[in-house]
Protein backbone atom coordinates (compact mmCIF):
# COMPACT_ATOMS: atom_id res chain seq x y z
CA MET A 1 -22.72 38.92 188.56
CA ARG A 2 -25.53 38.77 186.00
CA TYR A 3 -23.64 36.06 184.13
CA SER A 4 -23.32 33.98 187.32
CA ILE A 5 -27.06 34.27 188.00
CA PHE A 6 -27.90 33.30 184.41
CA LYS A 7 -25.44 30.38 184.49
CA ARG A 8 -26.85 29.05 187.75
CA ALA A 9 -30.43 29.32 186.43
CA LEU A 10 -29.43 27.50 183.24
CA ILE A 11 -27.32 24.62 184.57
CA GLY A 12 -27.95 24.67 188.33
CA LYS A 13 -25.82 25.46 191.37
CA PRO A 14 -22.23 24.13 191.49
CA LEU A 15 -21.67 20.71 193.07
CA LYS A 16 -18.89 19.82 195.49
CA THR A 17 -16.21 17.39 194.34
CA SER A 18 -17.25 15.11 197.21
CA GLU A 19 -20.64 14.68 195.48
CA LEU A 20 -19.02 12.96 192.49
CA GLY A 21 -20.12 9.50 193.67
CA GLU A 22 -23.74 10.62 193.57
CA GLN A 23 -23.35 11.36 189.84
CA ARG A 24 -22.75 7.70 188.93
CA LEU A 25 -25.41 5.72 187.09
CA GLY A 26 -27.38 2.61 187.90
CA LYS A 27 -28.23 0.11 185.15
CA LEU A 28 -31.65 1.54 184.28
CA LYS A 29 -30.42 5.14 183.89
CA ALA A 30 -27.25 4.03 182.14
CA LEU A 31 -29.32 2.01 179.68
CA ALA A 32 -31.34 5.12 178.87
CA ILE A 33 -28.30 7.33 178.35
CA LEU A 34 -25.83 4.94 176.71
CA SER A 35 -28.15 2.83 174.58
CA SER A 36 -30.24 5.62 173.11
CA ASP A 37 -27.93 5.86 170.07
CA ALA A 38 -28.00 2.12 169.36
CA LEU A 39 -31.76 1.80 169.95
CA SER A 40 -32.57 4.89 167.92
CA SER A 41 -30.77 3.42 164.89
CA VAL A 42 -33.76 1.07 164.55
CA ALA A 43 -35.61 4.11 163.22
CA TYR A 44 -33.22 4.59 160.27
CA GLY A 45 -31.11 1.38 159.94
CA PRO A 46 -33.83 -0.71 158.23
CA GLU A 47 -34.75 2.30 156.12
CA GLN A 48 -31.20 2.53 154.77
CA VAL A 49 -31.42 -1.11 153.60
CA ILE A 50 -34.79 -0.49 151.93
CA ILE A 51 -33.48 2.64 150.19
CA VAL A 52 -30.67 0.65 148.56
CA LEU A 53 -32.84 -2.35 147.61
CA SER A 54 -35.63 -0.20 146.18
CA THR A 55 -33.33 1.07 143.44
CA LEU A 56 -33.95 -2.32 141.74
CA GLY A 57 -37.69 -2.06 142.36
CA LEU A 58 -40.08 -3.41 145.00
CA ILE A 59 -39.36 -6.96 143.83
CA ALA A 60 -35.92 -6.77 145.53
CA LEU A 61 -37.23 -5.85 148.99
CA TRP A 62 -37.40 -9.48 150.13
CA TYR A 63 -33.61 -9.42 150.39
CA SER A 64 -34.05 -7.24 153.49
CA ILE A 65 -34.79 -10.43 155.46
CA PRO A 66 -31.45 -12.25 154.89
CA ILE A 67 -29.64 -8.94 155.20
CA GLY A 68 -31.37 -8.39 158.55
CA VAL A 69 -30.24 -11.84 159.72
CA GLY A 70 -26.66 -10.94 158.78
CA VAL A 71 -26.88 -7.72 160.81
CA LEU A 72 -28.17 -9.67 163.84
CA ILE A 73 -25.24 -12.10 163.62
CA LEU A 74 -22.84 -9.15 163.58
CA LEU A 75 -24.67 -7.61 166.56
CA ALA A 76 -24.25 -10.82 168.58
CA ALA A 77 -20.52 -10.93 167.78
CA LEU A 78 -20.06 -7.30 168.82
CA ILE A 79 -21.99 -7.66 172.09
CA LEU A 80 -19.95 -10.72 173.12
CA SER A 81 -16.70 -9.00 172.11
CA TYR A 82 -17.40 -5.79 174.00
CA ARG A 83 -18.47 -7.83 177.02
CA GLN A 84 -14.92 -9.18 177.15
CA ILE A 85 -13.42 -5.72 176.60
CA ILE A 86 -15.31 -4.29 179.59
CA TYR A 87 -14.05 -7.03 181.90
CA ALA A 88 -10.49 -6.78 180.53
CA TYR A 89 -10.39 -2.95 180.70
CA PRO A 90 -12.79 -1.90 183.49
CA HIS A 91 -11.50 1.68 183.61
CA GLY A 92 -13.14 2.58 180.32
CA GLY A 93 -11.65 3.87 177.09
CA GLY A 94 -13.01 1.05 174.95
CA ALA A 95 -11.43 0.69 171.52
CA TYR A 96 -8.86 3.44 172.17
CA VAL A 97 -7.36 1.81 175.27
CA VAL A 98 -7.53 -1.72 173.81
CA SER A 99 -5.87 -0.71 170.53
CA LYS A 100 -3.21 1.46 172.18
CA SER A 101 -2.31 -1.24 174.74
CA ASN A 102 -2.05 -4.13 172.28
CA LEU A 103 -1.45 -2.68 168.80
CA GLY A 104 0.55 0.46 169.57
CA LYS A 105 0.01 4.21 169.92
CA ASN A 106 -0.91 4.90 166.29
CA ALA A 107 -3.55 2.16 166.23
CA GLY A 108 -4.99 3.60 169.44
CA LEU A 109 -5.06 7.09 167.95
CA VAL A 110 -6.80 5.82 164.81
CA ALA A 111 -9.42 3.98 166.88
CA GLY A 112 -9.91 6.76 169.40
CA GLY A 113 -9.71 9.56 166.85
CA SER A 114 -12.31 7.97 164.60
CA LEU A 115 -14.58 7.53 167.63
CA LEU A 116 -14.19 11.16 168.68
CA VAL A 117 -15.20 12.25 165.18
CA ASP A 118 -17.90 9.60 165.14
CA TYR A 119 -19.50 10.94 168.31
CA ILE A 120 -19.77 14.30 166.59
CA LEU A 121 -21.45 12.50 163.70
CA THR A 122 -23.65 10.66 166.22
CA VAL A 123 -25.08 13.93 167.43
CA ALA A 124 -25.50 15.33 163.92
CA VAL A 125 -27.09 12.15 162.50
CA SER A 126 -29.36 11.52 165.48
CA VAL A 127 -30.68 15.04 165.69
CA SER A 128 -31.07 15.29 161.90
CA ALA A 129 -33.00 11.99 161.86
CA GLY A 130 -35.15 13.19 164.76
CA THR A 131 -35.89 16.37 162.89
CA ASP A 132 -36.89 14.28 159.85
CA ALA A 133 -39.36 12.38 162.05
CA ILE A 134 -40.86 15.65 163.28
CA THR A 135 -41.19 17.10 159.79
CA SER A 136 -42.68 13.81 158.50
CA ALA A 137 -45.57 14.35 160.90
CA PHE A 138 -45.69 18.11 160.23
CA PRO A 139 -44.60 18.69 156.60
CA LEU A 140 -44.88 22.48 156.91
CA LEU A 141 -41.71 22.43 159.04
CA HIS A 142 -39.49 20.93 156.31
CA PRO A 143 -37.86 24.28 155.34
CA TYR A 144 -36.69 24.74 158.95
CA ASN A 145 -34.83 21.43 159.36
CA VAL A 146 -31.43 23.01 160.08
CA VAL A 147 -32.82 25.54 162.56
CA ILE A 148 -34.80 22.89 164.44
CA ALA A 149 -31.84 20.49 164.55
CA SER A 150 -29.44 23.17 165.82
CA PHE A 151 -31.91 24.24 168.51
CA LEU A 152 -32.32 20.63 169.67
CA VAL A 153 -28.53 20.21 169.99
CA ILE A 154 -28.43 23.29 172.23
CA VAL A 155 -31.19 21.87 174.44
CA ILE A 156 -29.34 18.55 174.85
CA THR A 157 -26.11 20.43 175.58
CA ILE A 158 -27.78 22.33 178.43
CA LEU A 159 -29.19 19.08 179.80
CA ASN A 160 -25.73 17.52 179.89
CA LEU A 161 -24.13 20.60 181.42
CA ARG A 162 -26.60 20.19 184.29
CA GLY A 163 -24.97 16.86 185.18
CA ILE A 164 -25.14 13.23 184.17
CA THR A 165 -27.77 12.14 186.70
CA GLU A 166 -30.06 15.04 185.92
CA SER A 167 -29.85 14.39 182.19
CA ALA A 168 -30.49 10.68 182.90
CA ASN A 169 -33.64 11.56 184.84
CA VAL A 170 -34.95 13.50 181.85
CA LEU A 171 -33.85 11.06 179.15
CA ALA A 172 -34.95 7.79 180.75
CA TYR A 173 -38.65 8.34 180.02
CA PRO A 174 -38.38 9.03 176.24
CA VAL A 175 -36.07 6.02 175.76
CA TYR A 176 -38.37 3.58 177.50
CA LEU A 177 -41.42 5.15 175.84
CA PHE A 178 -39.77 4.58 172.46
CA VAL A 179 -39.12 0.92 173.30
CA LEU A 180 -42.77 0.59 174.37
CA ALA A 181 -43.99 2.35 171.21
CA LEU A 182 -41.92 0.12 168.89
CA LEU A 183 -42.97 -3.03 170.73
CA LEU A 184 -46.59 -1.89 170.40
CA LEU A 185 -46.12 -1.22 166.67
CA ILE A 186 -44.42 -4.59 166.09
CA GLY A 187 -46.88 -6.49 168.29
CA VAL A 188 -50.02 -5.04 166.68
CA GLY A 189 -48.46 -5.40 163.23
CA LEU A 190 -47.70 -9.08 163.82
CA TRP A 191 -51.22 -9.63 165.17
CA GLN A 192 -52.76 -8.01 162.09
CA MET A 193 -50.51 -10.15 159.92
CA VAL A 194 -51.49 -13.42 161.69
CA SER A 195 -55.18 -12.51 161.77
CA GLY A 196 -55.21 -11.74 158.06
CA GLN A 197 -55.90 -8.00 158.41
CA ILE A 198 -52.79 -7.25 156.35
CA PRO A 199 -53.15 -8.61 152.79
CA PHE A 200 -50.49 -11.16 151.80
CA HIS A 201 -49.94 -9.63 148.37
CA LEU A 202 -48.31 -6.42 149.73
CA HIS A 203 -44.82 -7.95 149.70
CA THR A 204 -42.71 -9.95 147.28
CA PRO A 205 -42.34 -13.65 148.26
CA ILE A 206 -38.93 -14.63 149.58
CA GLY A 207 -36.85 -16.25 146.85
CA THR A 208 -38.34 -14.30 143.97
CA ALA A 209 -35.80 -13.85 141.18
CA VAL A 210 -34.60 -10.25 140.85
CA PRO A 211 -33.11 -9.16 137.48
CA GLY A 212 -29.86 -7.21 137.83
CA ILE A 213 -29.12 -8.31 141.40
CA SER A 214 -25.43 -8.78 142.24
CA LEU A 215 -23.23 -9.57 145.22
CA PHE A 216 -21.86 -6.04 145.12
CA PHE A 217 -25.37 -4.65 145.36
CA LEU A 218 -26.30 -6.91 148.30
CA LEU A 219 -23.10 -6.02 150.14
CA ARG A 220 -23.92 -2.36 149.68
CA ALA A 221 -27.37 -2.91 151.21
CA PHE A 222 -25.83 -4.91 154.07
CA SER A 223 -23.33 -2.14 154.84
CA SER A 224 -26.21 0.33 154.98
CA GLY A 225 -28.04 -1.92 157.45
CA CYS A 226 -24.93 -2.05 159.65
CA SER A 227 -25.58 1.59 160.53
CA ALA A 228 -28.09 0.14 163.02
CA LEU A 229 -25.14 -1.11 165.10
CA THR A 230 -23.57 2.27 165.76
CA GLY A 231 -23.50 3.12 169.45
CA VAL A 232 -22.87 -0.46 170.65
CA GLU A 233 -19.37 0.54 171.85
CA ALA A 234 -20.56 3.46 173.99
CA VAL A 235 -21.00 1.37 177.14
CA SER A 236 -17.35 0.23 177.09
CA ASN A 237 -16.15 3.84 176.82
CA ALA A 238 -18.19 5.01 179.81
CA VAL A 239 -17.58 2.23 182.37
CA PRO A 240 -16.33 4.75 185.03
CA ASN A 241 -19.78 6.39 184.99
CA PHE A 242 -21.42 3.26 186.46
CA LYS A 243 -22.04 2.59 190.12
CA GLU A 244 -19.92 -0.12 191.75
CA PRO A 245 -19.24 -2.79 190.65
CA GLU A 246 -18.68 -0.78 187.49
CA ALA A 247 -17.66 -3.56 185.09
CA LYS A 248 -20.45 -5.92 186.14
CA ASN A 249 -23.12 -3.24 185.85
CA ALA A 250 -21.72 -2.13 182.48
CA VAL A 251 -21.81 -5.70 181.12
CA HIS A 252 -25.42 -6.19 182.28
CA THR A 253 -26.39 -2.91 180.62
CA LEU A 254 -24.63 -3.97 177.39
CA MET A 255 -26.40 -7.34 177.29
CA ILE A 256 -29.83 -5.79 177.92
CA MET A 257 -29.19 -3.20 175.23
CA GLY A 258 -28.15 -5.90 172.74
CA PHE A 259 -31.29 -7.95 173.41
CA ILE A 260 -33.65 -4.97 173.05
CA LEU A 261 -31.86 -3.80 169.89
CA ALA A 262 -32.11 -7.28 168.33
CA VAL A 263 -35.87 -7.50 169.04
CA LEU A 264 -36.66 -4.02 167.73
CA PHE A 265 -34.45 -4.27 164.64
CA SER A 266 -35.68 -7.71 163.56
CA GLY A 267 -39.32 -6.81 164.24
CA THR A 268 -39.11 -3.53 162.35
CA MET A 269 -37.25 -5.07 159.41
CA PHE A 270 -39.70 -7.97 159.08
CA LEU A 271 -42.79 -5.79 159.41
CA ALA A 272 -41.50 -3.30 156.82
CA TYR A 273 -40.97 -6.21 154.42
CA TRP A 274 -44.40 -7.73 155.07
CA LEU A 275 -46.15 -4.39 154.52
CA GLY A 276 -44.22 -3.81 151.30
CA ILE A 277 -42.95 -0.45 152.54
CA SER A 278 -40.93 1.55 150.01
CA PRO A 279 -38.90 4.69 150.83
CA LYS A 280 -40.44 8.13 150.42
CA ALA A 281 -38.56 11.42 150.35
CA GLU A 282 -40.72 13.18 152.94
CA GLU A 283 -41.94 10.29 155.11
CA THR A 284 -39.85 7.82 157.08
CA VAL A 285 -40.36 4.05 157.00
CA VAL A 286 -41.49 4.02 160.66
CA SER A 287 -44.05 6.71 159.87
CA GLN A 288 -45.42 4.66 156.94
CA MET A 289 -45.62 1.52 159.08
CA ALA A 290 -47.44 3.31 161.91
CA SER A 291 -49.80 4.99 159.45
CA HIS A 292 -50.59 1.65 157.76
CA ILE A 293 -51.20 -0.21 161.03
CA PHE A 294 -52.94 2.45 163.15
CA GLY A 295 -53.97 5.17 160.72
CA ARG A 296 -53.34 8.82 161.56
CA ASN A 297 -54.71 8.60 165.09
CA PHE A 298 -53.32 9.07 168.59
CA LEU A 299 -51.18 5.92 168.42
CA TYR A 300 -49.58 7.10 165.17
CA TYR A 301 -48.59 10.43 166.71
CA PHE A 302 -47.45 8.64 169.89
CA ILE A 303 -45.09 6.48 167.83
CA GLN A 304 -43.88 9.42 165.75
CA GLY A 305 -43.42 11.55 168.85
CA THR A 306 -41.40 8.94 170.73
CA THR A 307 -39.39 8.14 167.59
CA ALA A 308 -38.53 11.80 167.14
CA LEU A 309 -37.60 12.04 170.82
CA ILE A 310 -35.35 8.97 170.80
CA LEU A 311 -33.65 10.07 167.59
CA VAL A 312 -32.94 13.49 169.04
CA LEU A 313 -31.95 12.19 172.47
CA ALA A 314 -29.78 9.47 170.92
CA ALA A 315 -27.34 12.33 170.56
CA ASN A 316 -26.92 12.03 174.31
CA THR A 317 -24.85 8.87 173.80
CA GLY A 318 -22.31 11.09 172.09
CA PHE A 319 -22.52 13.62 174.92
CA SER A 320 -21.90 10.83 177.44
CA ALA A 321 -19.11 8.98 175.60
CA PHE A 322 -17.23 11.84 173.87
CA PRO A 323 -16.12 13.61 177.10
CA MET A 324 -15.01 10.31 178.68
CA LEU A 325 -12.97 9.35 175.62
CA ALA A 326 -11.53 12.88 175.49
CA VAL A 327 -10.41 12.41 179.12
CA ASN A 328 -8.41 9.33 178.09
CA PHE A 329 -6.83 11.26 175.21
CA ALA A 330 -6.04 14.26 177.41
CA THR A 331 -4.58 12.03 180.14
CA ASP A 332 -2.17 10.65 177.55
CA LYS A 333 -1.44 14.24 176.41
CA TYR A 334 -2.82 13.78 172.89
CA ILE A 335 -5.39 16.58 173.11
CA PRO A 336 -5.52 19.78 175.22
CA ARG A 337 -5.52 19.28 178.99
CA MET A 338 -8.67 21.38 179.32
CA PHE A 339 -10.68 18.23 178.55
CA LEU A 340 -9.67 16.89 181.98
CA ASN A 341 -11.44 19.72 183.79
CA ARG A 342 -14.82 19.12 185.39
CA GLY A 343 -17.46 21.85 185.27
CA ASP A 344 -19.68 23.22 188.02
CA ARG A 345 -21.94 20.17 187.81
CA LEU A 346 -18.99 17.71 187.82
CA GLY A 347 -19.38 16.86 184.14
CA TYR A 348 -16.56 17.34 181.64
CA SER A 349 -18.07 20.55 180.32
CA ASN A 350 -15.29 21.41 177.84
CA GLY A 351 -15.86 18.12 176.06
CA ILE A 352 -19.62 18.69 176.06
CA LEU A 353 -19.31 22.19 174.59
CA THR A 354 -16.76 21.11 171.96
CA LEU A 355 -19.05 18.31 170.83
CA SER A 356 -22.03 20.67 170.68
CA VAL A 357 -20.31 23.30 168.53
CA ALA A 358 -18.80 20.72 166.16
CA SER A 359 -22.09 18.90 165.62
CA ILE A 360 -24.01 22.12 164.93
CA LEU A 361 -21.39 23.09 162.32
CA LEU A 362 -21.79 19.67 160.72
CA ILE A 363 -25.58 20.02 160.61
CA ILE A 364 -25.25 23.43 158.96
CA ILE A 365 -22.65 22.23 156.42
CA PHE A 366 -24.72 19.17 155.39
CA ARG A 367 -28.02 21.07 155.83
CA GLY A 368 -29.37 18.29 158.04
CA ALA A 369 -29.22 15.68 155.26
CA THR A 370 -29.00 12.47 157.33
CA GLU A 371 -28.47 10.13 154.40
CA GLN A 372 -25.24 11.94 153.49
CA LEU A 373 -23.82 11.51 156.98
CA ILE A 374 -24.78 7.91 157.79
CA PRO A 375 -22.15 6.08 155.62
CA LEU A 376 -19.29 8.16 157.05
CA TYR A 377 -20.82 7.77 160.51
CA ALA A 378 -21.02 3.98 160.20
CA VAL A 379 -17.54 3.39 158.77
CA GLY A 380 -16.13 5.57 161.55
CA VAL A 381 -17.52 3.06 164.05
CA PHE A 382 -16.45 -0.12 162.29
CA ILE A 383 -12.79 0.86 162.09
CA PRO A 384 -12.55 1.03 165.93
CA PHE A 385 -14.65 -2.16 166.09
CA THR A 386 -12.04 -3.96 163.96
CA LEU A 387 -9.04 -2.53 165.81
CA SER A 388 -10.47 -3.32 169.25
CA GLN A 389 -11.23 -6.94 168.31
CA THR A 390 -7.76 -7.33 166.79
CA GLY A 391 -6.23 -5.83 169.93
CA MET A 392 -8.07 -8.33 172.11
CA ILE A 393 -6.79 -11.20 169.94
CA VAL A 394 -3.21 -9.99 170.51
CA LYS A 395 -3.91 -9.69 174.25
CA TRP A 396 -5.21 -13.27 174.57
CA ILE A 397 -2.30 -14.71 172.54
CA ARG A 398 0.28 -12.77 174.54
CA GLU A 399 -1.12 -13.35 178.04
CA LYS A 400 -2.82 -16.76 177.58
CA PRO A 401 -5.04 -16.57 180.71
CA SER A 402 -7.32 -19.40 181.79
CA GLY A 403 -9.97 -20.08 179.12
CA TRP A 404 -8.30 -17.74 176.62
CA LEU A 405 -8.98 -19.83 173.52
CA PRO A 406 -12.82 -19.41 173.48
CA LYS A 407 -12.39 -15.72 174.24
CA MET A 408 -9.93 -15.31 171.40
CA THR A 409 -12.29 -17.17 169.06
CA ILE A 410 -15.10 -14.72 169.85
CA ASN A 411 -12.85 -11.74 169.16
CA LEU A 412 -11.48 -13.38 165.99
CA ILE A 413 -14.98 -13.85 164.60
CA GLY A 414 -15.85 -10.26 165.54
CA ALA A 415 -12.66 -8.92 163.93
CA LEU A 416 -13.23 -10.81 160.67
CA ILE A 417 -16.85 -9.68 160.38
CA THR A 418 -16.15 -6.03 161.20
CA LEU A 419 -13.14 -5.95 158.86
CA THR A 420 -15.37 -7.35 156.11
CA VAL A 421 -17.89 -4.59 156.78
CA VAL A 422 -15.16 -1.92 156.60
CA ILE A 423 -13.97 -3.31 153.25
CA ILE A 424 -17.56 -3.41 151.99
CA PHE A 425 -18.04 0.24 152.96
CA PHE A 426 -14.92 1.33 151.10
CA VAL A 427 -15.75 -0.77 148.03
CA THR A 428 -19.45 0.09 147.78
CA LYS A 429 -19.57 3.64 149.15
CA PHE A 430 -16.12 5.05 148.54
CA SER A 431 -17.48 8.35 147.23
CA GLN A 432 -19.24 8.91 150.57
CA VAL A 433 -16.53 7.72 152.98
CA TRP A 434 -13.23 8.75 151.35
CA TYR A 435 -13.03 11.74 153.74
CA ILE A 436 -11.97 9.34 156.48
CA LEU A 437 -8.70 8.63 154.62
CA ILE A 438 -7.84 12.30 155.07
CA PHE A 439 -9.04 13.19 158.54
CA LEU A 440 -7.76 10.04 160.33
CA PRO A 441 -4.09 10.59 159.36
CA LEU A 442 -4.61 14.29 160.12
CA ILE A 443 -5.94 13.46 163.60
CA VAL A 444 -2.99 11.15 164.30
CA PHE A 445 -0.54 13.86 163.12
CA ILE A 446 -2.16 16.57 165.27
CA CYS A 447 -2.24 14.28 168.32
CA HIS A 448 1.48 13.52 167.98
CA ARG A 449 2.29 17.24 167.66
CA ILE A 450 0.30 18.02 170.81
CA LYS A 451 2.00 15.16 172.66
CA ARG A 452 5.41 16.39 171.51
CA HIS A 453 4.60 19.87 172.82
CA TYR A 454 3.53 18.60 176.25
CA ASP A 455 6.66 16.41 176.49
CA ALA A 456 8.88 19.36 175.56
CA VAL A 457 7.18 21.60 178.13
CA GLY A 458 7.52 18.93 180.82
CA GLU A 459 11.20 18.46 180.02
CA GLN A 460 11.89 22.17 180.30
CA LEU A 461 9.92 22.65 183.52
CA ARG A 462 11.18 19.53 185.30
CA ILE A 463 13.51 20.18 188.25
CA THR A 464 16.49 17.82 188.27
CA THR A 465 19.39 17.32 190.67
CA GLY A 466 22.04 19.98 190.23
CA ASP A 467 19.64 22.55 188.79
CA GLY A 468 19.48 25.82 190.67
CA ALA A 469 18.18 29.29 190.08
CA LEU A 470 20.79 31.92 189.26
CA PRO A 471 21.51 34.27 192.21
CA LEU A 472 19.78 37.62 191.72
CA GLU A 473 21.06 40.91 193.06
CA GLY A 474 18.31 43.34 192.17
CA ASN A 475 15.34 44.30 190.00
CA ILE A 476 15.14 46.89 187.24
CA VAL A 477 11.60 48.12 186.55
CA ILE A 478 10.65 49.73 183.25
CA VAL A 479 7.36 51.67 183.20
CA PRO A 480 6.03 52.66 179.73
CA VAL A 481 4.15 55.97 180.13
CA ALA A 482 1.79 57.77 177.77
CA GLY A 483 1.77 61.04 179.71
CA ILE A 484 1.37 62.44 183.20
CA SER A 485 -1.72 61.08 184.93
CA LYS A 486 -2.98 59.31 188.04
CA VAL A 487 -2.66 55.98 186.23
CA VAL A 488 1.06 56.59 185.69
CA GLU A 489 1.52 57.94 189.22
CA ASN A 490 -0.10 54.81 190.66
CA SER A 491 2.22 52.59 188.63
CA LEU A 492 5.36 54.54 189.54
CA ASN A 493 4.57 54.32 193.26
CA TYR A 494 4.29 50.53 192.95
CA ALA A 495 7.47 50.36 190.85
CA LYS A 496 9.40 52.10 193.65
CA LEU A 497 8.27 49.37 196.06
CA ILE A 498 9.47 46.43 193.97
CA GLY A 499 12.40 47.87 192.03
CA ASP A 500 15.97 48.81 192.88
CA SER A 501 16.03 50.96 189.77
CA VAL A 502 12.99 52.50 188.05
CA ILE A 503 13.03 53.78 184.47
CA ALA A 504 10.07 55.50 182.84
CA VAL A 505 9.89 55.22 179.03
CA TYR A 506 7.99 57.62 176.78
CA VAL A 507 7.61 57.24 173.00
CA ALA A 508 7.29 60.52 171.12
CA PHE A 509 6.02 60.86 167.58
CA ASP A 510 7.40 64.39 167.13
CA ARG A 511 10.22 66.44 168.64
CA GLU A 512 7.92 69.02 170.18
CA SER A 513 6.00 66.49 172.32
CA GLU A 514 9.31 64.86 173.27
CA LYS A 515 10.73 68.15 174.62
CA GLN A 516 7.45 69.03 176.34
CA MET A 517 7.33 65.65 178.14
CA GLU A 518 10.94 65.94 179.33
CA ASP A 519 10.28 69.41 180.81
CA GLN A 520 7.07 68.37 182.56
CA TRP A 521 8.70 65.22 183.94
CA LYS A 522 11.59 67.11 185.57
CA GLU A 523 9.07 69.16 187.56
CA TRP A 524 6.75 66.19 188.39
CA GLN A 525 9.09 63.20 189.06
CA PRO A 526 12.69 64.49 189.19
CA ASP A 527 13.89 61.44 191.17
CA ILE A 528 12.79 58.94 188.51
CA ARG A 529 14.75 58.62 185.28
CA LEU A 530 12.75 59.27 182.10
CA VAL A 531 13.94 57.89 178.77
CA THR A 532 12.25 59.40 175.72
CA LEU A 533 12.28 57.45 172.47
CA TYR A 534 11.56 59.25 169.23
CA THR A 535 9.99 57.41 166.27
CA SER A 536 8.77 58.83 162.99
CA TYR A 537 6.75 55.68 162.24
CA ARG A 538 4.12 56.17 165.00
CA SER A 539 4.79 52.74 166.50
CA LEU A 540 4.95 52.06 170.23
CA LEU A 541 6.05 48.42 170.12
CA ARG A 542 9.27 48.67 168.10
CA PRO A 543 11.08 51.44 170.05
CA ILE A 544 10.04 50.05 173.44
CA ALA A 545 11.01 46.50 172.44
CA ARG A 546 14.43 47.71 171.23
CA PHE A 547 15.02 49.65 174.46
CA ILE A 548 14.05 46.61 176.54
CA GLU A 549 16.58 44.49 174.62
CA ILE A 550 19.37 46.94 175.51
CA VAL A 551 18.41 47.09 179.19
CA GLU A 552 17.97 43.29 179.29
CA GLU A 553 21.58 42.74 178.16
CA LYS A 554 22.90 44.98 180.93
CA ALA A 555 20.56 43.44 183.51
CA ASN A 556 21.84 39.96 182.69
CA GLU A 557 25.44 41.10 183.09
CA GLN A 558 24.65 42.54 186.52
CA LYS A 559 22.49 39.54 187.56
CA TYR A 560 19.42 41.76 187.77
CA THR A 561 15.87 40.78 186.86
CA LEU A 562 13.99 42.99 184.44
CA THR A 563 10.31 43.82 185.04
CA VAL A 564 8.09 45.75 182.65
CA LEU A 565 5.26 47.37 184.61
CA ILE A 566 2.39 48.42 182.35
CA PRO A 567 -0.08 51.06 183.61
CA GLN A 568 -3.69 50.37 182.60
CA PHE A 569 -6.97 51.97 183.56
CA ILE A 570 -10.07 49.78 183.83
CA THR A 571 -13.33 51.33 182.65
CA LYS A 572 -16.47 51.02 184.75
CA LYS A 573 -18.52 49.54 181.92
CA ARG A 574 -17.27 46.99 179.42
CA TRP A 575 -18.51 48.88 176.38
CA HIS A 576 -16.35 51.85 177.37
CA ASP A 577 -13.30 49.75 176.36
CA PHE A 578 -14.18 50.29 172.71
CA LEU A 579 -13.79 54.06 173.21
CA HIS A 580 -10.09 53.77 174.13
CA ASN A 581 -7.09 52.34 172.35
CA GLN A 582 -5.73 49.09 173.78
CA SER A 583 -2.01 49.81 173.39
CA SER A 584 -1.26 48.50 176.91
CA LEU A 585 -2.83 45.13 176.07
CA LEU A 586 -0.96 44.90 172.77
CA LEU A 587 2.32 45.73 174.49
CA ARG A 588 1.67 43.12 177.16
CA LEU A 589 0.91 40.41 174.59
CA TYR A 590 3.98 41.29 172.56
CA LEU A 591 6.34 41.21 175.55
CA ILE A 592 4.94 37.97 176.98
CA TYR A 593 5.47 36.07 173.73
CA GLN A 594 8.61 37.80 172.42
CA LYS A 595 10.79 38.82 175.38
CA ASN A 596 12.32 37.00 178.36
CA VAL A 597 11.18 39.58 180.92
CA ILE A 598 8.67 39.76 183.74
CA VAL A 599 5.52 41.55 182.58
CA SER A 600 3.01 42.92 185.08
CA THR A 601 -0.01 45.22 184.92
CA VAL A 602 -0.98 47.84 187.49
CA PRO A 603 -4.75 48.46 187.15
CA PHE A 604 -6.37 51.79 187.93
CA ARG A 605 -10.15 51.48 188.14
CA LEU A 606 -12.35 54.33 186.95
CA LYS A 607 -15.40 55.03 189.08
CA LYS A 608 -17.48 56.86 186.48
């Protein structure tokens, strides 16, 4: 009862299934929930480029401009490609459904599996980056990064357990405040640049020769900048969450998100270059830009506050997309069916809780170090990007609908670019992304094993023509007893009601207790047969299991069912359970998994 009250206070009262339609999202709320990951990457994507370039000195930072242009071209290709995916597969699933439908089951599992893992990384990276923004403004909090990040994940989990619309109501304001804050930062920065308030000499002129520069180095910086494109696919995975018409609203949301992301990324990248910003261990690039343009005043803390909020709440993209993708996997029987269950607030709560626990473990393992997670996080997105674009190419070639050639061209360009990025990641950052070569095959293997299990269960449970239950002529009931008590009496009375033959079984550890039990039983229950089993090894399970095997053979010959009825008393308070042995529970578990018998428990509730 107390748990129910606490649960209702935490996540709200249960919703009826008929209220599911009210939980769908309009474009403005969907933009806040599903684009927070992509938009938040503006806060760390440009920084990752600068970190790589700065290793050759400040003179190399001008390369951030052409690299930024390359990232924008890739963004445009992805937005146009995913626009086509949403229209072609309006029921959601994104890269998983596209790859599975056109490239085969294993390709779908690779795409979907990498996205499932990537959404866990989304939460870990976003919250870790948000924590970095908080500790940049308040350096005294640096030692508590892991604690703060874990606490923030728990808060977002509770928000999502309360339902998608309620979380959207909370998250919409920080997202749009972040967009406003970045536009303000970029706008004022550009004004100061045009008006001459920012000295020209702060940055290296474009085209300056950089000693030691190489194509490999530039590709490494470009791959780091591509981390700003993570989250673009989230809209295509969550199409069923939109209000009708779902596909049209999802496409509009995707296009708006792409436009805002392009403006914020290009503005931030250019301004960081113009100001000559270099990376610092304990202060983010956005923090340095805001401090340079506004000083440490209200506007600085407004920008830092909204940046921290968006980085933390960007994790909500994972909380929105992970459960929906898990539903597709569970529908196809590749992961446990529990991911199909909706919670009290109509959200897929098992998916939400799984994501929360996994991301907190990741934060603890990596100690909140965002820069260690971002390469693995980014490559985990670009593999599904590549597979989904390739899958769409196969679809257009196979089906050849009206106007298929331009559509195929868009997907071909997207596939080539994303494949190039994947290759760049593996060439330039192999030491940071090699894990993916282990966990992706492992995910595919586990998914196939789960699928095989569900298929085997379905085959064995399926009723086919000609099947029929064997005719039964009676029921033998075995009642394990530990002595003479009300618990045993209660169980024996029930056994008489359901059984044609009742056998009580007592396990003795010495001959004296065996003889004593037999004498007492003859006086107490002379009409019920008692079988005493002696063991010198003080084990209940072995002698009872052996006796059940013997009775089971005879029961099968006589076409009788065999039921084991286990007496068990239930204590008034839960902690009282620790004061008693749990032999009845152990026996029940053993029989259920080891023997082909009916196992039932007769509870006797204690009142004190």
